[in-house]
């Protein structure tokens, strides 16, 4: 498992109503050798939590790709 460096941009798609979660579009892109871009639709209580979940999904996906290569 290699270290995955990634950034994320979060856009709110469906606003939070009362104490419910909002829906966010999270675009994540990585740096070499994981220079891919992925977009995830995530339900979360805040944009920060959505970004963290998006980066975790991206990291898991890149780890799986690394395992396939080995």
PDB file of N, CA and C in Angstrom:
ATOM      1  N   UNK A   1       0.849  -1.174   0.000  1.00  0.00           N
ATOM      2  CA  UNK A   1       0.000   0.000   0.000  1.00  0.00           C
ATOM      3  C   UNK A   1       0.901   1.246   0.000  1.00  0.00           C
ATOM      4  N   UNK A   2       0.743   2.065  -1.035  1.00  0.00           N
ATOM      5  CA  UNK A   2       1.511   3.306  -1.127  1.00  0.00           C
ATOM      6  C   UNK A   2       0.714   4.467  -0.547  1.00  0.00           C
ATOM      7  N   UNK A   3       1.421   5.514  -0.238  1.00  0.00           N
ATOM      8  CA  UNK A   3       0.774   6.738   0.220  1.00  0.00           C
ATOM      9  C   UNK A   3       0.062   7.380  -0.972  1.00  0.00           C
ATOM     10  N   UNK A   4      -1.188   7.802  -0.776  1.00  0.00           N
ATOM     11  CA  UNK A   4      -1.979   8.436  -1.834  1.00  0.00           C
ATOM     12  C   UNK A   4      -2.151   9.910  -1.483  1.00  0.00           C
ATOM     13  N   UNK A   5      -1.645  10.794  -2.349  1.00  0.00           N
ATOM     14  CA  UNK A   5      -1.816  12.233  -2.153  1.00  0.00           C
ATOM     15  C   UNK A   5      -2.960  12.701  -3.040  1.00  0.00           C
ATOM     16  N   UNK A   6      -3.948  13.383  -2.438  1.00  0.00           N
ATOM     17  CA  UNK A   6      -5.133  13.790  -3.194  1.00  0.00           C
ATOM     18  C   UNK A   6      -5.693  15.108  -2.676  1.00  0.00           C
ATOM     19  N   UNK A   7      -6.429  15.783  -3.552  1.00  0.00           N
ATOM     20  CA  UNK A   7      -7.147  17.026  -3.224  1.00  0.00           C
ATOM     21  C   UNK A   7      -8.618  16.827  -3.556  1.00  0.00           C
ATOM     22  N   UNK A   8      -9.462  17.661  -2.965  1.00  0.00           N
ATOM     23  CA  UNK A   8     -10.896  17.546  -3.224  1.00  0.00           C
ATOM     24  C   UNK A   8     -11.545  18.928  -3.327  1.00  0.00           C
ATOM     25  N   UNK A   9     -12.559  18.998  -4.198  1.00  0.00           N
ATOM     26  CA  UNK A   9     -13.419  20.176  -4.303  1.00  0.00           C
ATOM     27  C   UNK A   9     -14.837  19.696  -4.039  1.00  0.00           C
ATOM     28  N   UNK A  10     -15.528  20.384  -3.143  1.00  0.00           N
ATOM     29  CA  UNK A  10     -16.869  19.972  -2.726  1.00  0.00           C
ATOM     30  C   UNK A  10     -17.890  21.011  -3.172  1.00  0.00           C
ATOM     31  N   UNK A  11     -18.972  20.529  -3.795  1.00  0.00           N
ATOM     32  CA  UNK A  11     -20.077  21.393  -4.217  1.00  0.00           C
ATOM     33  C   UNK A  11     -21.375  20.832  -3.637  1.00  0.00           C
ATOM     34  N   UNK A  12     -22.135  21.700  -3.003  1.00  0.00           N
ATOM     35  CA  UNK A  12     -23.402  21.251  -2.438  1.00  0.00           C
ATOM     36  C   UNK A  12     -24.429  21.087  -3.554  1.00  0.00           C
ATOM     37  N   UNK A  13     -25.046  19.901  -3.632  1.00  0.00           N
ATOM     38  CA  UNK A  13     -26.063  19.623  -4.653  1.00  0.00           C
ATOM     39  C   UNK A  13     -27.459  19.847  -4.090  1.00  0.00           C
ATOM     40  N   UNK A  14     -27.688  19.260  -2.922  1.00  0.00           N
ATOM     41  CA  UNK A  14     -28.993  19.354  -2.261  1.00  0.00           C
ATOM     42  C   UNK A  14     -28.761  19.884  -0.856  1.00  0.00           C
ATOM     43  N   UNK A  15     -29.269  21.087  -0.560  1.00  0.00           N
ATOM     44  CA  UNK A  15     -29.012  21.704   0.748  1.00  0.00           C
ATOM     45  C   UNK A  15     -29.574  20.890   1.914  1.00  0.00           C
ATOM     46  N   UNK A  16     -28.970  21.116   3.046  1.00  0.00           N
ATOM     47  CA  UNK A  16     -29.392  20.485   4.292  1.00  0.00           C
ATOM     48  C   UNK A  16     -30.726  21.088   4.715  1.00  0.00           C
ATOM     49  N   UNK A  17     -31.657  20.232   5.084  1.00  0.00           N
ATOM     50  CA  UNK A  17     -32.954  20.686   5.588  1.00  0.00           C
ATOM     51  C   UNK A  17     -33.034  20.302   7.061  1.00  0.00           C
ATOM     52  N   UNK A  18     -33.197  21.307   7.902  1.00  0.00           N
ATOM     53  CA  UNK A  18     -33.265  21.097   9.348  1.00  0.00           C
ATOM     54  C   UNK A  18     -31.985  20.402   9.823  1.00  0.00           C
ATOM     55  N   UNK A  19     -32.102  19.260  10.479  1.00  0.00           N
ATOM     56  CA  UNK A  19     -30.911  18.581  10.994  1.00  0.00           C
ATOM     57  C   UNK A  19     -30.516  17.385  10.128  1.00  0.00           C
ATOM     58  N   UNK A  20     -31.096  17.298   8.921  1.00  0.00           N
ATOM     59  CA  UNK A  20     -30.743  16.215   8.010  1.00  0.00           C
ATOM     60  C   UNK A  20     -29.413  16.499   7.318  1.00  0.00           C
ATOM     61  N   UNK A  21     -28.903  15.506   6.639  1.00  0.00           N
ATOM     62  CA  UNK A  21     -27.660  15.658   5.891  1.00  0.00           C
ATOM     63  C   UNK A  21     -27.924  16.305   4.540  1.00  0.00           C
ATOM     64  N   UNK A  22     -26.902  16.960   4.005  1.00  0.00           N
ATOM     65  CA  UNK A  22     -26.962  17.528   2.659  1.00  0.00           C
ATOM     66  C   UNK A  22     -26.302  16.540   1.702  1.00  0.00           C
ATOM     67  N   UNK A  23     -26.517  16.761   0.401  1.00  0.00           N
ATOM     68  CA  UNK A  23     -25.876  15.931  -0.617  1.00  0.00           C
ATOM     69  C   UNK A  23     -24.838  16.795  -1.327  1.00  0.00           C
ATOM     70  N   UNK A  24     -23.628  16.257  -1.447  1.00  0.00           N
ATOM     71  CA  UNK A  24     -22.509  16.984  -2.036  1.00  0.00           C
ATOM     72  C   UNK A  24     -21.919  16.213  -3.211  1.00  0.00           C
ATOM     73  N   UNK A  25     -21.441  16.956  -4.184  1.00  0.00           N
ATOM     74  CA  UNK A  25     -20.623  16.388  -5.245  1.00  0.00           C
ATOM     75  C   UNK A  25     -19.174  16.638  -4.825  1.00  0.00           C
ATOM     76  N   UNK A  26     -18.394  15.569  -4.760  1.00  0.00           N
ATOM     77  CA  UNK A  26     -17.001  15.679  -4.323  1.00  0.00           C
ATOM     78  C   UNK A  26     -16.107  15.213  -5.470  1.00  0.00           C
ATOM     79  N   UNK A  27     -15.344  16.148  -6.023  1.00  0.00           N
ATOM     80  CA  UNK A  27     -14.396  15.816  -7.080  1.00  0.00           C
ATOM     81  C   UNK A  27     -13.021  15.676  -6.436  1.00  0.00           C
ATOM     82  N   UNK A  28     -12.419  14.502  -6.622  1.00  0.00           N
ATOM     83  CA  UNK A  28     -11.128  14.202  -6.009  1.00  0.00           C
ATOM     84  C   UNK A  28     -10.125  13.898  -7.113  1.00  0.00           C
ATOM     85  N   UNK A  29      -8.931  14.475  -7.001  1.00  0.00           N
ATOM     86  CA  UNK A  29      -7.869  14.154  -7.950  1.00  0.00           C
ATOM     87  C   UNK A  29      -6.590  13.899  -7.177  1.00  0.00           C
ATOM     88  N   UNK A  30      -5.790  12.974  -7.725  1.00  0.00           N
ATOM     89  CA  UNK A  30      -4.563  12.582  -7.053  1.00  0.00           C
ATOM     90  C   UNK A  30      -3.326  13.041  -7.800  1.00  0.00           C
ATOM     91  N   UNK A  31      -2.205  12.930  -7.108  1.00  0.00           N
ATOM     92  CA  UNK A  31      -0.901  13.257  -7.677  1.00  0.00           C
ATOM     93  C   UNK A  31      -0.205  11.953  -8.074  1.00  0.00           C
ATOM     94  N   UNK A  32       0.774  12.046  -8.970  1.00  0.00           N
ATOM     95  CA  UNK A  32       1.527  10.875  -9.444  1.00  0.00           C
ATOM     96  C   UNK A  32       1.905   9.972  -8.280  1.00  0.00           C
ATOM     97  N   UNK A  33       1.808   8.710  -8.388  1.00  0.00           N
ATOM     98  CA  UNK A  33       1.389   7.908  -9.533  1.00  0.00           C
ATOM     99  C   UNK A  33      -0.117   7.661  -9.572  1.00  0.00           C
ATOM    100  N   UNK A  34      -0.859   8.351  -8.740  1.00  0.00           N
ATOM    101  CA  UNK A  34      -2.321   8.197  -8.674  1.00  0.00           C
ATOM    102  C   UNK A  34      -3.007   9.392  -9.334  1.00  0.00           C
ATOM    103  N   UNK A  35      -2.565   9.752 -10.525  1.00  0.00           N
ATOM    104  CA  UNK A  35      -3.077  10.948 -11.194  1.00  0.00           C
ATOM    105  C   UNK A  35      -4.375  10.653 -11.947  1.00  0.00           C
ATOM    106  N   UNK A  36      -5.398  10.347 -11.167  1.00  0.00           N
ATOM    107  CA  UNK A  36      -6.741  10.093 -11.671  1.00  0.00           C
ATOM    108  C   UNK A  36      -7.674  11.136 -11.070  1.00  0.00           C
ATOM    109  N   UNK A  37      -8.843  11.294 -11.685  1.00  0.00           N
ATOM    110  CA  UNK A  37      -9.884  12.166 -11.143  1.00  0.00           C
ATOM    111  C   UNK A  37     -11.157  11.350 -10.992  1.00  0.00           C
ATOM    112  N   UNK A  38     -11.784  11.482  -9.855  1.00  0.00           N
ATOM    113  CA  UNK A  38     -13.052  10.790  -9.583  1.00  0.00           C
ATOM    114  C   UNK A  38     -14.041  11.797  -9.006  1.00  0.00           C
ATOM    115  N   UNK A  39     -15.315  11.579  -9.299  1.00  0.00           N
ATOM    116  CA  UNK A  39     -16.377  12.410  -8.722  1.00  0.00           C
ATOM    117  C   UNK A  39     -17.349  11.491  -7.995  1.00  0.00           C
ATOM    118  N   UNK A  40     -17.631  11.831  -6.758  1.00  0.00           N
ATOM    119  CA  UNK A  40     -18.523  11.040  -5.916  1.00  0.00           C
ATOM    120  C   UNK A  40     -19.686  11.915  -5.456  1.00  0.00           C
ATOM    121  N   UNK A  41     -20.859  11.316  -5.317  1.00  0.00           N
ATOM    122  CA  UNK A  41     -22.010  11.994  -4.730  1.00  0.00           C
ATOM    123  C   UNK A  41     -22.155  11.443  -3.320  1.00  0.00           C
ATOM    124  N   UNK A  42     -22.017  12.329  -2.326  1.00  0.00           N
ATOM    125  CA  UNK A  42     -21.945  11.890  -0.932  1.00  0.00           C
ATOM    126  C   UNK A  42     -22.950  12.649  -0.075  1.00  0.00           C
ATOM    127  N   UNK A  43     -23.649  11.907   0.765  1.00  0.00           N
ATOM    128  CA  UNK A  43     -24.548  12.513   1.743  1.00  0.00           C
ATOM    129  C   UNK A  43     -23.778  12.654   3.049  1.00  0.00           C
ATOM    130  N   UNK A  44     -23.709  13.881   3.561  1.00  0.00           N
ATOM    131  CA  UNK A  44     -22.948  14.127   4.784  1.00  0.00           C
ATOM    132  C   UNK A  44     -23.531  15.327   5.526  1.00  0.00           C
ATOM    133  N   UNK A  45     -23.124  15.481   6.775  1.00  0.00           N
ATOM    134  CA  UNK A  45     -23.620  16.589   7.585  1.00  0.00           C
ATOM    135  C   UNK A  45     -22.915  17.903   7.301  1.00  0.00           C
ATOM    136  N   UNK A  46     -21.709  17.845   6.683  1.00  0.00           N
ATOM    137  CA  UNK A  46     -20.986  19.075   6.355  1.00  0.00           C
ATOM    138  C   UNK A  46     -20.104  18.846   5.132  1.00  0.00           C
ATOM    139  N   UNK A  47     -19.651  19.935   4.539  1.00  0.00           N
ATOM    140  CA  UNK A  47     -18.778  19.817   3.377  1.00  0.00           C
ATOM    141  C   UNK A  47     -17.426  19.210   3.761  1.00  0.00           C
ATOM    142  N   UNK A  48     -16.971  19.475   4.970  1.00  0.00           N
ATOM    143  CA  UNK A  48     -15.703  18.907   5.427  1.00  0.00           C
ATOM    144  C   UNK A  48     -15.814  17.386   5.546  1.00  0.00           C
ATOM    145  N   UNK A  49     -16.920  16.915   6.116  1.00  0.00           N
ATOM    146  CA  UNK A  49     -17.120  15.473   6.232  1.00  0.00           C
ATOM    147  C   UNK A  49     -17.249  14.828   4.857  1.00  0.00           C
ATOM    148  N   UNK A  50     -17.908  15.514   3.917  1.00  0.00           N
ATOM    149  CA  UNK A  50     -18.041  14.990   2.556  1.00  0.00           C
ATOM    150  C   UNK A  50     -16.668  14.888   1.895  1.00  0.00           C
ATOM    151  N   UNK A  51     -15.824  15.911   2.080  1.00  0.00           N
ATOM    152  CA  UNK A  51     -14.472  15.887   1.508  1.00  0.00           C
ATOM    153  C   UNK A  51     -13.665  14.721   2.091  1.00  0.00           C
ATOM    154  N   UNK A  52     -13.746  14.521   3.391  1.00  0.00           N
ATOM    155  CA  UNK A  52     -13.015  13.421   4.025  1.00  0.00           C
ATOM    156  C   UNK A  52     -13.472  12.068   3.491  1.00  0.00           C
ATOM    157  N   UNK A  53     -14.782  11.910   3.332  1.00  0.00           N
ATOM    158  CA  UNK A  53     -15.313  10.650   2.810  1.00  0.00           C
ATOM    159  C   UNK A  53     -14.894  10.446   1.355  1.00  0.00           C
ATOM    160  N   UNK A  54     -14.931  11.514   0.566  1.00  0.00           N
ATOM    161  CA  UNK A  54     -14.520  11.426  -0.835  1.00  0.00           C
ATOM    162  C   UNK A  54     -13.061  11.033  -0.972  1.00  0.00           C
ATOM    163  N   UNK A  55     -12.201  11.641  -0.173  1.00  0.00           N
ATOM    164  CA  UNK A  55     -10.778  11.314  -0.223  1.00  0.00           C
ATOM    165  C   UNK A  55     -10.547   9.874   0.253  1.00  0.00           C
ATOM    166  N   UNK A  56     -11.301   9.420   1.231  1.00  0.00           N
ATOM    167  CA  UNK A  56     -11.170   8.038   1.697  1.00  0.00           C
ATOM    168  C   UNK A  56     -11.592   7.059   0.604  1.00  0.00           C
ATOM    169  N   UNK A  57     -12.695   7.355  -0.093  1.00  0.00           N
ATOM    170  CA  UNK A  57     -13.130   6.503  -1.208  1.00  0.00           C
ATOM    171  C   UNK A  57     -12.069   6.453  -2.301  1.00  0.00           C
ATOM    172  N   UNK A  58     -11.503   7.609  -2.618  1.00  0.00           N
ATOM    173  CA  UNK A  58     -10.461   7.701  -3.638  1.00  0.00           C
ATOM    174  C   UNK A  58      -9.237   6.881  -3.219  1.00  0.00           C
ATOM    175  N   UNK A  59      -8.823   7.028  -1.981  1.00  0.00           N
ATOM    176  CA  UNK A  59      -7.669   6.295  -1.464  1.00  0.00           C
ATOM    177  C   UNK A  59      -7.905   4.782  -1.537  1.00  0.00           C
ATOM    178  N   UNK A  60      -9.086   4.345  -1.131  1.00  0.00           N
ATOM    179  CA  UNK A  60      -9.422   2.918  -1.193  1.00  0.00           C
ATOM    180  C   UNK A  60      -9.370   2.413  -2.634  1.00  0.00           C
ATOM    181  N   UNK A  61      -9.890   3.216  -3.560  1.00  0.00           N
ATOM    182  CA  UNK A  61      -9.891   2.836  -4.968  1.00  0.00           C
ATOM    183  C   UNK A  61      -8.462   2.753  -5.525  1.00  0.00           C
ATOM    184  N   UNK A  62      -7.611   3.706  -5.157  1.00  0.00           N
ATOM    185  CA  UNK A  62      -6.230   3.694  -5.635  1.00  0.00           C
ATOM    186  C   UNK A  62      -5.446   2.519  -5.031  1.00  0.00           C
ATOM    187  N   UNK A  63      -5.723   2.191  -3.770  1.00  0.00           N
ATOM    188  CA  UNK A  63      -5.095   1.011  -3.148  1.00  0.00           C
ATOM    189  C   UNK A  63      -5.469  -0.261  -3.899  1.00  0.00           C
ATOM    190  N   UNK A  64      -6.738  -0.371  -4.288  1.00  0.00           N
ATOM    191  CA  UNK A  64      -7.193  -1.536  -5.044  1.00  0.00           C
ATOM    192  C   UNK A  64      -6.489  -1.607  -6.394  1.00  0.00           C
ATOM    193  N   UNK A  65      -6.309  -0.464  -7.053  1.00  0.00           N
ATOM    194  CA  UNK A  65      -5.593  -0.445  -8.337  1.00  0.00           C
ATOM    195  C   UNK A  65      -4.140  -0.876  -8.153  1.00  0.00           C
ATOM    196  N   UNK A  66      -3.503  -0.422  -7.081  1.00  0.00           N
ATOM    197  CA  UNK A  66      -2.124  -0.801  -6.794  1.00  0.00           C
ATOM    198  C   UNK A  66      -1.994  -2.314  -6.590  1.00  0.00           C
ATOM    199  N   UNK A  67      -2.977  -2.909  -5.902  1.00  0.00           N
ATOM    200  CA  UNK A  67      -2.951  -4.352  -5.658  1.00  0.00           C
ATOM    201  C   UNK A  67      -3.096  -5.122  -6.966  1.00  0.00           C
ATOM    202  N   UNK A  68      -3.920  -4.613  -7.889  1.00  0.00           N
ATOM    203  CA  UNK A  68      -4.099  -5.262  -9.180  1.00  0.00           C
ATOM    204  C   UNK A  68      -2.805  -5.253  -9.991  1.00  0.00           C
ATOM    205  N   UNK A  69      -2.025  -4.179  -9.867  1.00  0.00           N
ATOM    206  CA  UNK A  69      -0.775  -4.050 -10.620  1.00  0.00           C
ATOM    207  C   UNK A  69       0.301  -5.002 -10.108  1.00  0.00           C
ATOM    208  N   UNK A  70       0.265  -5.281  -8.801  1.00  0.00           N
ATOM    209  CA  UNK A  70       1.304  -6.147  -8.205  1.00  0.00           C
ATOM    210  C   UNK A  70       1.094  -7.597  -8.497  1.00  0.00           C
TER     211      UNK A  70
END
